Amino acid sequence: MSGSSRVPPSGCIRRRGLLVCLAMVLAGGVWPAATLSARTQSGAWECPALAASAPAAATPVSNEGDPAAILSAEGSVTVFAAASLTDAFEEMKAELEAANPALAIAYNFGGSPALVTQLTQGAVADVFASANTAQMTAAQGAGVIAGDPVTFVRNRLALVTPPDNPAGIASPADLGNEGIRLVLAQPEVPAGRYAREAVCLMGADAAANGEDFVGRVAANVVSEEEDVRDALAKVQLGEADAGVVYISDAASAGDDVQVIPIPDAVNVVAAYPIAAVAGGDESIAGAFIAYLLGADGQAILQEYGFEPVA
């Protein structure tokens, strides 16, 4: 499997033979000095200062270990992974199991907080891949992680609408228009948290987005889903006018959604950490993690819209 053949041109995503070009924007912007708040279905929507919302530092990525070790591993590896990783990880499973019949990979996908809860309640796994450092830190605090987590990939946000865009949304600024049906992941879920941070960044620019932008957007939230894939599905089914998901999710949906870029100054970068789970098979977990950090694993992740860590 050649990594170089998978890497798409800058700003583009290769999906099932098609090249989907999106705006791969950079995170930036400044949080408002004062804390803003708005009401949503789940209560107060707070816009914290940047220092309070910045992700915890992750262990620098290491390429130590043999990425090919997973191809000689025997037995099974159980991976608990954030829902946004579904398509990329499923392709890895197909390719790795085809190359090594002695290997079996089992996944449990879901919102990162739900996965942490399952692990702390005794669920058996070998690897945990989270969509943010906060949930990995929670898992560490609960004593269910072995060793030091490493960041293995990054992701960004995109705005999606149904293909016909019935609400006529042209930019993220339109999310504050009256009557927009907006769906987000729950605020405890990384994608939901990042989406709210992006809206707060937009709200800091009243000249561009109008007064009380955060409050107007919060009033338009009609559903808060358990994970980002559920939020995406609502848009695909036409049950919402718009949703904020990861760029990787937008790519997975293909023609089922229309993608509207979120500008660099108000986008948020998601760092995904991964670690072996305490009580699991650390040897096969280490081999799986090394594969993700290697050229082939990184190439597949890029194919599905993720950004490399190197």
C-alpha atoms as a PDB file:
ATOM      1  CA  MET A   1       0.000   0.000   0.000  1.00  0.00           C
ATOM      2  CA  SER A   2       1.632   3.203  -1.116  1.00  0.00           C
ATOM      3  CA  GLY A   3       1.133   6.306   1.000  1.00  0.00           C
ATOM      4  CA  SER A   4       2.198   8.762  -1.679  1.00  0.00           C
ATOM      5  CA  SER A   5      -0.567   7.729  -4.083  1.00  0.00           C
ATOM      6  CA  ARG A   6      -3.245   8.486  -1.520  1.00  0.00           C
ATOM      7  CA  VAL A   7      -2.314  12.026  -0.564  1.00  0.00           C
ATOM      8  CA  PRO A   8      -4.650  14.491  -2.337  1.00  0.00           C
ATOM      9  CA  PRO A   9      -3.647  17.956  -3.507  1.00  0.00           C
ATOM     10  CA  SER A  10      -3.600  20.692  -0.881  1.00  0.00           C
ATOM     11  CA  GLY A  11      -7.124  21.695   0.126  1.00  0.00           C
ATOM     12  CA  CYS A  12      -8.728  18.587  -1.365  1.00  0.00           C
ATOM     13  CA  ILE A  13     -10.044  15.255  -0.138  1.00  0.00           C
ATOM     14  CA  ARG A  14      -9.980  12.056  -2.111  1.00  0.00           C
ATOM     15  CA  ARG A  15     -13.065   9.954  -1.416  1.00  0.00           C
ATOM     16  CA  ARG A  16     -13.990   6.752  -3.245  1.00  0.00           C
ATOM     17  CA  GLY A  17     -12.126   7.840  -6.336  1.00  0.00           C
ATOM     18  CA  LEU A  18     -13.508  11.381  -6.355  1.00  0.00           C
ATOM     19  CA  LEU A  19     -11.647  14.530  -5.436  1.00  0.00           C
ATOM     20  CA  VAL A  20     -13.636  16.755  -3.113  1.00  0.00           C
ATOM     21  CA  CYS A  21     -12.038  20.177  -2.640  1.00  0.00           C
ATOM     22  CA  LEU A  22     -12.855  22.021   0.557  1.00  0.00           C
ATOM     23  CA  ALA A  23     -11.378  25.079   2.191  1.00  0.00           C
ATOM     24  CA  MET A  24      -8.788  23.687   4.594  1.00  0.00           C
ATOM     25  CA  VAL A  25      -8.786  26.741   6.747  1.00  0.00           C
ATOM     26  CA  LEU A  26      -6.541  27.517   9.672  1.00  0.00           C
ATOM     27  CA  ALA A  27      -7.769  28.121  13.185  1.00  0.00           C
ATOM     28  CA  GLY A  28      -7.369  31.543  14.660  1.00  0.00           C
ATOM     29  CA  GLY A  29      -9.207  34.498  16.059  1.00  0.00           C
ATOM     30  CA  VAL A  30      -9.510  35.944  19.534  1.00  0.00           C
ATOM     31  CA  TRP A  31     -12.113  35.147  22.145  1.00  0.00           C
ATOM     32  CA  PRO A  32     -14.150  38.034  23.473  1.00  0.00           C
ATOM     33  CA  ALA A  33     -12.792  39.408  26.711  1.00  0.00           C
ATOM     34  CA  ALA A  34     -16.178  39.132  28.390  1.00  0.00           C
ATOM     35  CA  THR A  35     -17.966  35.825  28.695  1.00  0.00           C
ATOM     36  CA  LEU A  36     -21.054  35.622  26.486  1.00  0.00           C
ATOM     37  CA  SER A  37     -23.966  33.319  27.157  1.00  0.00           C
ATOM     38  CA  ALA A  38     -27.098  32.163  25.403  1.00  0.00           C
ATOM     39  CA  ARG A  39     -29.809  29.632  26.066  1.00  0.00           C
ATOM     40  CA  THR A  40     -30.035  26.290  24.297  1.00  0.00           C
ATOM     41  CA  GLN A  41     -31.962  23.120  24.923  1.00  0.00           C
ATOM     42  CA  SER A  42     -29.256  22.019  27.371  1.00  0.00           C
ATOM     43  CA  GLY A  43     -29.019  25.307  29.289  1.00  0.00           C
ATOM     44  CA  ALA A  44     -26.528  28.174  29.233  1.00  0.00           C
ATOM     45  CA  TRP A  45     -24.239  28.417  26.229  1.00  0.00           C
ATOM     46  CA  GLU A  46     -21.037  29.888  27.600  1.00  0.00           C
ATOM     47  CA  CYS A  47     -18.222  31.441  25.600  1.00  0.00           C
ATOM     48  CA  PRO A  48     -15.142  31.063  27.797  1.00  0.00           C
ATOM     49  CA  ALA A  49     -11.855  32.884  27.442  1.00  0.00           C
ATOM     50  CA  LEU A  50      -9.317  31.266  25.129  1.00  0.00           C
ATOM     51  CA  ALA A  51      -7.099  30.156  28.007  1.00  0.00           C
ATOM     52  CA  ALA A  52      -9.992  28.245  29.554  1.00  0.00           C
ATOM     53  CA  SER A  53     -11.031  26.512  26.363  1.00  0.00           C
ATOM     54  CA  ALA A  54      -7.680  25.637  24.784  1.00  0.00           C
ATOM     55  CA  PRO A  55      -7.052  21.885  24.587  1.00  0.00           C
ATOM     56  CA  ALA A  56      -4.561  20.389  26.989  1.00  0.00           C
ATOM     57  CA  ALA A  57      -1.113  19.763  25.599  1.00  0.00           C
ATOM     58  CA  ALA A  58      -0.708  16.300  24.131  1.00  0.00           C
ATOM     59  CA  THR A  59       2.410  14.197  24.108  1.00  0.00           C
ATOM     60  CA  PRO A  60       4.417  15.020  20.962  1.00  0.00           C
ATOM     61  CA  VAL A  61       3.871  12.549  18.162  1.00  0.00           C
ATOM     62  CA  SER A  62       6.453   9.791  18.049  1.00  0.00           C
ATOM     63  CA  ASN A  63       7.134   7.570  15.081  1.00  0.00           C
ATOM     64  CA  GLU A  64       8.935   5.042  17.248  1.00  0.00           C
ATOM     65  CA  GLY A  65       7.800   1.477  16.790  1.00  0.00           C
ATOM     66  CA  ASP A  66       7.308  -0.554  13.654  1.00  0.00           C
ATOM     67  CA  PRO A  67       4.158   0.403  11.699  1.00  0.00           C
ATOM     68  CA  ALA A  68       4.407  -2.972   9.941  1.00  0.00           C
ATOM     69  CA  ALA A  69       4.190  -4.857  13.248  1.00  0.00           C
ATOM     70  CA  ILE A  70       0.399  -4.935  13.007  1.00  0.00           C
ATOM     71  CA  LEU A  71       0.723  -6.982   9.815  1.00  0.00           C
ATOM     72  CA  SER A  72       2.422  -9.802  11.711  1.00  0.00           C
ATOM     73  CA  ALA A  73       0.212  -9.608  14.799  1.00  0.00           C
ATOM     74  CA  GLU A  74      -1.988 -12.560  15.678  1.00  0.00           C
ATOM     75  CA  GLY A  75      -5.264 -12.281  17.527  1.00  0.00           C
ATOM     76  CA  SER A  76      -7.755  -9.475  17.915  1.00  0.00           C
ATOM     77  CA  VAL A  77      -7.550  -5.791  18.763  1.00  0.00           C
ATOM     78  CA  THR A  78     -10.591  -3.920  20.078  1.00  0.00           C
ATOM     79  CA  VAL A  79     -10.597  -0.198  19.364  1.00  0.00           C
ATOM     80  CA  PHE A  80     -12.935   2.343  20.980  1.00  0.00           C
ATOM     81  CA  ALA A  81     -12.927   5.306  18.593  1.00  0.00           C
ATOM     82  CA  ALA A  82     -14.663   8.651  18.081  1.00  0.00           C
ATOM     83  CA  ALA A  83     -17.537   8.414  15.593  1.00  0.00           C
ATOM     84  CA  SER A  84     -15.843  10.781  13.144  1.00  0.00           C
ATOM     85  CA  LEU A  85     -13.151   8.146  12.558  1.00  0.00           C
ATOM     86  CA  THR A  86     -15.615   5.533  11.298  1.00  0.00           C
ATOM     87  CA  ASP A  87     -14.944   5.579   7.560  1.00  0.00           C
ATOM     88  CA  ALA A  88     -11.164   5.879   7.752  1.00  0.00           C
ATOM     89  CA  PHE A  89     -10.863   3.188  10.408  1.00  0.00           C
ATOM     90  CA  GLU A  90     -13.160   0.828   8.509  1.00  0.00           C
ATOM     91  CA  GLU A  91     -10.941   1.122   5.443  1.00  0.00           C
ATOM     92  CA  MET A  92      -7.896   0.375   7.584  1.00  0.00           C
ATOM     93  CA  LYS A  93      -9.637  -2.701   8.978  1.00  0.00           C
ATOM     94  CA  ALA A  94     -10.428  -4.017   5.507  1.00  0.00           C
ATOM     95  CA  GLU A  95      -6.902  -3.513   4.261  1.00  0.00           C
ATOM     96  CA  LEU A  96      -5.119  -4.780   7.361  1.00  0.00           C
ATOM     97  CA  GLU A  97      -7.247  -7.895   7.733  1.00  0.00           C
ATOM     98  CA  ALA A  98      -6.859  -8.671   4.020  1.00  0.00           C
ATOM     99  CA  ALA A  99      -3.082  -8.397   4.385  1.00  0.00           C
ATOM    100  CA  ASN A 100      -3.002 -10.414   7.623  1.00  0.00           C
ATOM    101  CA  PRO A 101      -5.650 -13.152   7.995  1.00  0.00           C
ATOM    102  CA  ALA A 102      -4.431 -13.832  11.553  1.00  0.00           C
ATOM    103  CA  LEU A 103      -5.533 -10.363  12.645  1.00  0.00           C
ATOM    104  CA  ALA A 104      -9.068  -9.358  13.660  1.00  0.00           C
ATOM    105  CA  ILE A 105      -9.992  -5.733  14.336  1.00  0.00           C
ATOM    106  CA  ALA A 106     -13.186  -4.882  16.237  1.00  0.00           C
ATOM    107  CA  TYR A 107     -14.473  -1.318  16.608  1.00  0.00           C
ATOM    108  CA  ASN A 108     -16.826   0.471  18.928  1.00  0.00           C
ATOM    109  CA  PHE A 109     -17.614   3.930  17.531  1.00  0.00           C
ATOM    110  CA  GLY A 110     -19.418   6.663  19.426  1.00  0.00           C
ATOM    111  CA  GLY A 111     -19.173  10.055  21.073  1.00  0.00           C
ATOM    112  CA  SER A 112     -15.925  10.328  23.023  1.00  0.00           C
ATOM    113  CA  PRO A 113     -17.661  11.001  26.393  1.00  0.00           C
ATOM    114  CA  ALA A 114     -19.847   7.901  25.957  1.00  0.00           C
ATOM    115  CA  LEU A 115     -16.786   5.801  25.166  1.00  0.00           C
ATOM    116  CA  VAL A 116     -15.026   7.045  28.306  1.00  0.00           C
ATOM    117  CA  THR A 117     -18.099   6.154  30.360  1.00  0.00           C
ATOM    118  CA  GLN A 118     -18.117   2.647  28.903  1.00  0.00           C
ATOM    119  CA  LEU A 119     -14.436   2.178  29.670  1.00  0.00           C
ATOM    120  CA  THR A 120     -14.782   3.410  33.243  1.00  0.00           C
ATOM    121  CA  GLN A 121     -17.725   1.050  33.727  1.00  0.00           C
ATOM    122  CA  GLY A 122     -15.606  -1.944  32.784  1.00  0.00           C
ATOM    123  CA  ALA A 123     -15.887  -2.282  29.005  1.00  0.00           C
ATOM    124  CA  VAL A 124     -12.971  -4.259  27.577  1.00  0.00           C
ATOM    125  CA  ALA A 125     -10.807  -2.631  24.902  1.00  0.00           C
ATOM    126  CA  ASP A 126      -7.203  -2.412  23.762  1.00  0.00           C
ATOM    127  CA  VAL A 127      -7.128   1.096  22.229  1.00  0.00           C
ATOM    128  CA  PHE A 128      -8.978   4.355  22.831  1.00  0.00           C
ATOM    129  CA  ALA A 129      -8.980   7.071  20.131  1.00  0.00           C
ATOM    130  CA  SER A 130     -10.638  10.297  21.286  1.00  0.00           C
ATOM    131  CA  ALA A 131     -11.709  13.366  19.317  1.00  0.00           C
ATOM    132  CA  ASN A 132     -10.252  15.691  21.938  1.00  0.00           C
ATOM    133  CA  THR A 133      -7.714  15.761  24.734  1.00  0.00           C
ATOM    134  CA  ALA A 134     -10.308  16.523  27.407  1.00  0.00           C
ATOM    135  CA  GLN A 135     -11.927  13.096  27.105  1.00  0.00           C
ATOM    136  CA  MET A 136      -8.550  11.365  26.993  1.00  0.00           C
ATOM    137  CA  THR A 137      -7.592  13.254  30.152  1.00  0.00           C
ATOM    138  CA  ALA A 138     -10.850  12.086  31.752  1.00  0.00           C
ATOM    139  CA  ALA A 139     -10.020   8.492  30.833  1.00  0.00           C
ATOM    140  CA  GLN A 140      -6.550   8.889  32.309  1.00  0.00           C
ATOM    141  CA  GLY A 141      -8.019  10.321  35.489  1.00  0.00           C
ATOM    142  CA  ALA A 142     -10.284   7.287  35.762  1.00  0.00           C
ATOM    143  CA  GLY A 143      -7.261   4.987  35.521  1.00  0.00           C
ATOM    144  CA  VAL A 144      -8.325   3.234  32.303  1.00  0.00           C
ATOM    145  CA  ILE A 145      -5.415   4.368  30.101  1.00  0.00           C
ATOM    146  CA  ALA A 146      -1.997   2.697  29.918  1.00  0.00           C
ATOM    147  CA  GLY A 147       1.025   4.763  28.913  1.00  0.00           C
ATOM    148  CA  ASP A 148       1.096   8.246  27.419  1.00  0.00           C
ATOM    149  CA  PRO A 149      -1.425   9.303  24.757  1.00  0.00           C
ATOM    150  CA  VAL A 150      -0.141  10.729  21.479  1.00  0.00           C
ATOM    151  CA  THR A 151      -1.889  12.982  18.972  1.00  0.00           C
ATOM    152  CA  PHE A 152      -2.269  10.977  15.768  1.00  0.00           C
ATOM    153  CA  VAL A 153      -4.388  13.247  13.543  1.00  0.00           C
ATOM    154  CA  ARG A 154      -6.200  16.598  13.410  1.00  0.00           C
ATOM    155  CA  ASN A 155      -9.557  17.755  12.057  1.00  0.00           C
ATOM    156  CA  ARG A 156     -11.458  20.970  11.348  1.00  0.00           C
ATOM    157  CA  LEU A 157     -15.049  22.115  11.194  1.00  0.00           C
ATOM    158  CA  ALA A 158     -17.330  22.602   8.189  1.00  0.00           C
ATOM    159  CA  LEU A 159     -20.911  23.791   7.795  1.00  0.00           C
ATOM    160  CA  VAL A 160     -23.218  21.424   5.908  1.00  0.00           C
ATOM    161  CA  THR A 161     -26.717  21.827   4.478  1.00  0.00           C
ATOM    162  CA  PRO A 162     -29.001  19.499   2.504  1.00  0.00           C
ATOM    163  CA  PRO A 163     -28.008  19.383  -1.189  1.00  0.00           C
ATOM    164  CA  ASP A 164     -30.759  21.830  -2.215  1.00  0.00           C
ATOM    165  CA  ASN A 165     -29.969  24.162   0.723  1.00  0.00           C
ATOM    166  CA  PRO A 166     -33.645  25.072   1.336  1.00  0.00           C
ATOM    167  CA  ALA A 167     -32.811  27.805   3.849  1.00  0.00           C
ATOM    168  CA  GLY A 168     -30.491  29.543   1.391  1.00  0.00           C
ATOM    169  CA  ILE A 169     -27.516  29.527   3.736  1.00  0.00           C
ATOM    170  CA  ALA A 170     -24.535  31.164   2.028  1.00  0.00           C
ATOM    171  CA  SER A 171     -22.092  31.533   4.919  1.00  0.00           C
ATOM    172  CA  PRO A 172     -21.780  30.724   8.637  1.00  0.00           C
ATOM    173  CA  ALA A 173     -23.118  34.227   9.362  1.00  0.00           C
ATOM    174  CA  ASP A 174     -26.537  33.009   8.170  1.00  0.00           C
ATOM    175  CA  LEU A 175     -26.776  30.608  11.125  1.00  0.00           C
ATOM    176  CA  GLY A 176     -28.149  33.530  13.133  1.00  0.00           C
ATOM    177  CA  ASN A 177     -31.031  34.150  10.719  1.00  0.00           C
ATOM    178  CA  GLU A 178     -34.478  33.666  12.196  1.00  0.00           C
ATOM    179  CA  GLY A 179     -36.047  30.281  11.535  1.00  0.00           C
ATOM    180  CA  ILE A 180     -32.885  28.354  10.657  1.00  0.00           C
ATOM    181  CA  ARG A 181     -33.070  24.754  11.904  1.00  0.00           C
ATOM    182  CA  LEU A 182     -29.574  24.013  13.189  1.00  0.00           C
ATOM    183  CA  VAL A 183     -28.361  20.672  14.503  1.00  0.00           C
ATOM    184  CA  LEU A 184     -25.183  20.190  16.560  1.00  0.00           C
ATOM    185  CA  ALA A 185     -23.603  17.428  18.543  1.00  0.00           C
ATOM    186  CA  GLN A 186     -24.209  17.688  22.284  1.00  0.00           C
ATOM    187  CA  PRO A 187     -21.956  20.203  24.071  1.00  0.00           C
ATOM    188  CA  GLU A 188     -20.203  17.398  25.966  1.00  0.00           C
ATOM    189  CA  VAL A 189     -19.177  15.786  22.665  1.00  0.00           C
ATOM    190  CA  PRO A 190     -15.962  17.200  21.135  1.00  0.00           C
ATOM    191  CA  ALA A 191     -17.611  18.157  17.821  1.00  0.00           C
ATOM    192  CA  GLY A 192     -20.391  19.923  19.716  1.00  0.00           C
ATOM    193  CA  ARG A 193     -17.922  21.757  21.907  1.00  0.00           C
ATOM    194  CA  TYR A 194     -15.826  22.851  18.938  1.00  0.00           C
ATOM    195  CA  ALA A 195     -18.918  24.027  17.046  1.00  0.00           C
ATOM    196  CA  ARG A 196     -19.956  26.223  19.956  1.00  0.00           C
ATOM    197  CA  GLU A 197     -16.451  27.634  20.231  1.00  0.00           C
ATOM    198  CA  ALA A 198     -16.564  28.544  16.537  1.00  0.00           C
ATOM    199  CA  VAL A 199     -19.924  30.291  16.990  1.00  0.00           C
ATOM    200  CA  CYS A 200     -18.494  32.204  19.946  1.00  0.00           C
ATOM    201  CA  LEU A 201     -15.588  33.343  17.783  1.00  0.00           C
ATOM    202  CA  MET A 202     -18.094  34.547  15.180  1.00  0.00           C
ATOM    203  CA  GLY A 203     -20.072  36.317  17.889  1.00  0.00           C
ATOM    204  CA  ALA A 204     -17.026  38.383  18.831  1.00  0.00           C
ATOM    205  CA  ASP A 205     -17.312  40.195  15.485  1.00  0.00           C
ATOM    206  CA  ALA A 206     -20.595  42.074  15.736  1.00  0.00           C
ATOM    207  CA  ALA A 207     -19.759  44.139  12.660  1.00  0.00           C
ATOM    208  CA  ALA A 208     -19.709  41.026  10.491  1.00  0.00           C
ATOM    209  CA  ASN A 209     -22.357  38.904  12.178  1.00  0.00           C
ATOM    210  CA  GLY A 210     -24.667  41.340  13.964  1.00  0.00           C
ATOM    211  CA  GLU A 211     -25.522  41.835  17.609  1.00  0.00           C
ATOM    212  CA  ASP A 212     -26.257  38.853  19.859  1.00  0.00           C
ATOM    213  CA  PHE A 213     -25.098  36.407  17.193  1.00  0.00           C
ATOM    214  CA  VAL A 214     -24.444  33.677  19.768  1.00  0.00           C
ATOM    215  CA  GLY A 215     -27.916  34.057  21.243  1.00  0.00           C
ATOM    216  CA  ARG A 216     -29.591  33.996  17.837  1.00  0.00           C
ATOM    217  CA  VAL A 217     -27.677  30.877  16.769  1.00  0.00           C
ATOM    218  CA  ALA A 218     -28.419  29.137  20.067  1.00  0.00           C
ATOM    219  CA  ALA A 219     -32.129  29.851  19.583  1.00  0.00           C
ATOM    220  CA  ASN A 220     -31.965  28.061  16.214  1.00  0.00           C
ATOM    221  CA  VAL A 221     -30.622  24.784  17.609  1.00  0.00           C
ATOM    222  CA  VAL A 222     -33.416  22.252  17.133  1.00  0.00           C
ATOM    223  CA  SER A 223     -31.491  19.094  18.036  1.00  0.00           C
ATOM    224  CA  GLU A 224     -28.384  18.131  20.007  1.00  0.00           C
ATOM    225  CA  GLU A 225     -27.100  14.711  18.970  1.00  0.00           C
ATOM    226  CA  GLU A 226     -25.087  12.059  20.799  1.00  0.00           C
ATOM    227  CA  ASP A 227     -22.263  12.202  18.280  1.00  0.00           C
ATOM    228  CA  VAL A 228     -21.238  14.079  15.152  1.00  0.00           C
ATOM    229  CA  ARG A 229     -22.431  11.338  12.781  1.00  0.00           C
ATOM    230  CA  ASP A 230     -25.955  11.633  14.187  1.00  0.00           C
ATOM    231  CA  ALA A 231     -25.826  15.382  13.591  1.00  0.00           C
ATOM    232  CA  LEU A 232     -24.700  14.778  10.019  1.00  0.00           C
ATOM    233  CA  ALA A 233     -27.510  12.262   9.469  1.00  0.00           C
ATOM    234  CA  LYS A 234     -30.137  14.845  10.477  1.00  0.00           C
ATOM    235  CA  VAL A 235     -28.913  17.129   7.702  1.00  0.00           C
ATOM    236  CA  GLN A 236     -28.692  14.314   5.165  1.00  0.00           C
ATOM    237  CA  LEU A 237     -32.293  13.355   5.927  1.00  0.00           C
ATOM    238  CA  GLY A 238     -33.490  16.940   5.529  1.00  0.00           C
ATOM    239  CA  GLU A 239     -34.507  17.186   9.179  1.00  0.00           C
ATOM    240  CA  ALA A 240     -32.327  20.270   9.643  1.00  0.00           C
ATOM    241  CA  ASP A 241     -31.313  23.220   7.485  1.00  0.00           C
ATOM    242  CA  ALA A 242     -27.708  23.115   8.626  1.00  0.00           C
ATOM    243  CA  GLY A 243     -25.246  21.352  10.863  1.00  0.00           C
ATOM    244  CA  VAL A 244     -21.682  21.940  12.029  1.00  0.00           C
ATOM    245  CA  VAL A 245     -19.575  18.814  11.635  1.00  0.00           C
ATOM    246  CA  TYR A 246     -15.978  17.911  10.905  1.00  0.00           C
ATOM    247  CA  ILE A 247     -14.562  18.325   7.413  1.00  0.00           C
ATOM    248  CA  SER A 248     -13.994  14.557   7.430  1.00  0.00           C
ATOM    249  CA  ASP A 249     -17.716  13.961   8.020  1.00  0.00           C
ATOM    250  CA  ALA A 250     -18.640  16.376   5.246  1.00  0.00           C
ATOM    251  CA  ALA A 251     -16.373  14.413   2.906  1.00  0.00           C
ATOM    252  CA  SER A 252     -17.949  11.103   3.935  1.00  0.00           C
ATOM    253  CA  ALA A 253     -21.411  12.428   3.036  1.00  0.00           C
ATOM    254  CA  GLY A 254     -20.426  13.226  -0.551  1.00  0.00           C
ATOM    255  CA  ASP A 255     -23.320  14.569  -2.620  1.00  0.00           C
ATOM    256  CA  ASP A 256     -25.758  14.077   0.263  1.00  0.00           C
ATOM    257  CA  VAL A 257     -24.789  17.486   1.639  1.00  0.00           C
ATOM    258  CA  GLN A 258     -23.626  20.877   0.443  1.00  0.00           C
ATOM    259  CA  VAL A 259     -20.452  22.084   2.163  1.00  0.00           C
ATOM    260  CA  ILE A 260     -19.973  25.708   3.219  1.00  0.00           C
ATOM    261  CA  PRO A 261     -16.454  26.491   4.490  1.00  0.00           C
ATOM    262  CA  ILE A 262     -15.937  28.020   7.916  1.00  0.00           C
ATOM    263  CA  PRO A 263     -13.349  30.825   7.664  1.00  0.00           C
ATOM    264  CA  ASP A 264      -9.923  30.431   9.194  1.00  0.00           C
ATOM    265  CA  ALA A 265     -10.381  33.098  11.866  1.00  0.00           C
ATOM    266  CA  VAL A 266     -13.357  31.300  13.408  1.00  0.00           C
ATOM    267  CA  ASN A 267     -12.544  27.651  12.774  1.00  0.00           C
ATOM    268  CA  VAL A 268     -11.309  25.302  15.493  1.00  0.00           C
ATOM    269  CA  VAL A 269      -8.669  22.601  15.149  1.00  0.00           C
ATOM    270  CA  ALA A 270      -9.482  19.268  16.782  1.00  0.00           C
ATOM    271  CA  ALA A 271      -6.516  17.231  18.011  1.00  0.00           C
ATOM    272  CA  TYR A 272      -7.180  13.482  18.286  1.00  0.00           C
ATOM    273  CA  PRO A 273      -5.164  11.600  20.919  1.00  0.00           C
ATOM    274  CA  ILE A 274      -4.840   7.811  21.078  1.00  0.00           C
ATOM    275  CA  ALA A 275      -3.571   5.435  23.767  1.00  0.00           C
ATOM    276  CA  ALA A 276      -3.561   1.833  24.890  1.00  0.00           C
ATOM    277  CA  VAL A 277      -6.272   0.887  27.381  1.00  0.00           C
ATOM    278  CA  ALA A 278      -5.272  -0.471  30.761  1.00  0.00           C
ATOM    279  CA  GLY A 279      -5.921  -4.193  31.027  1.00  0.00           C
ATOM    280  CA  GLY A 280      -5.871  -4.683  27.275  1.00  0.00           C
ATOM    281  CA  ASP A 281      -3.216  -6.225  25.070  1.00  0.00           C
ATOM    282  CA  GLU A 282      -0.614  -3.454  25.071  1.00  0.00           C
ATOM    283  CA  SER A 283       1.525  -5.194  22.449  1.00  0.00           C
ATOM    284  CA  ILE A 284      -1.139  -5.352  19.760  1.00  0.00           C
ATOM    285  CA  ALA A 285      -2.429  -1.924  20.829  1.00  0.00           C
ATOM    286  CA  GLY A 286       1.047  -0.499  20.312  1.00  0.00           C
ATOM    287  CA  ALA A 287       1.243  -2.084  16.866  1.00  0.00           C
ATOM    288  CA  PHE A 288      -2.104  -0.551  15.864  1.00  0.00           C
ATOM    289  CA  ILE A 289      -1.067   2.887  17.125  1.00  0.00           C
ATOM    290  CA  ALA A 290       2.283   2.665  15.313  1.00  0.00           C
ATOM    291  CA  TYR A 291       0.406   1.870  12.094  1.00  0.00           C
ATOM    292  CA  LEU A 292      -1.754   4.989  12.518  1.00  0.00           C
ATOM    293  CA  LEU A 293       1.344   7.117  12.977  1.00  0.00           C
ATOM    294  CA  GLY A 294       3.076   5.560   9.981  1.00  0.00           C
ATOM    295  CA  ALA A 295       2.855   6.641   6.350  1.00  0.00           C
ATOM    296  CA  ASP A 296       0.055   4.246   5.351  1.00  0.00           C
ATOM    297  CA  GLY A 297      -2.177   5.049   8.307  1.00  0.00           C
ATOM    298  CA  GLN A 298      -1.679   8.793   7.874  1.00  0.00           C
ATOM    299  CA  ALA A 299      -2.402   8.544   4.140  1.00  0.00           C
ATOM    300  CA  ILE A 300      -5.762   6.838   4.734  1.00  0.00           C
ATOM    301  CA  LEU A 301      -6.705   9.456   7.318  1.00  0.00           C
ATOM    302  CA  GLN A 302      -5.860  12.221   4.819  1.00  0.00           C
ATOM    303  CA  GLU A 303      -7.965  10.468   2.194  1.00  0.00           C
ATOM    304  CA  TYR A 304     -10.965  10.921   4.467  1.00  0.00           C
ATOM    305  CA  GLY A 305     -10.378  14.606   5.158  1.00  0.00           C
ATOM    306  CA  PHE A 306      -8.192  14.504   8.255  1.00  0.00           C
ATOM    307  CA  GLU A 307      -4.952  16.439   8.568  1.00  0.00           C
ATOM    308  CA  PRO A 308      -1.626  14.753   9.312  1.00  0.00           C
ATOM    309  CA  VAL A 309       0.159  15.398  12.572  1.00  0.00           C
ATOM    310  CA  ALA A 310       3.603  15.810  11.044  1.00  0.00           C
END
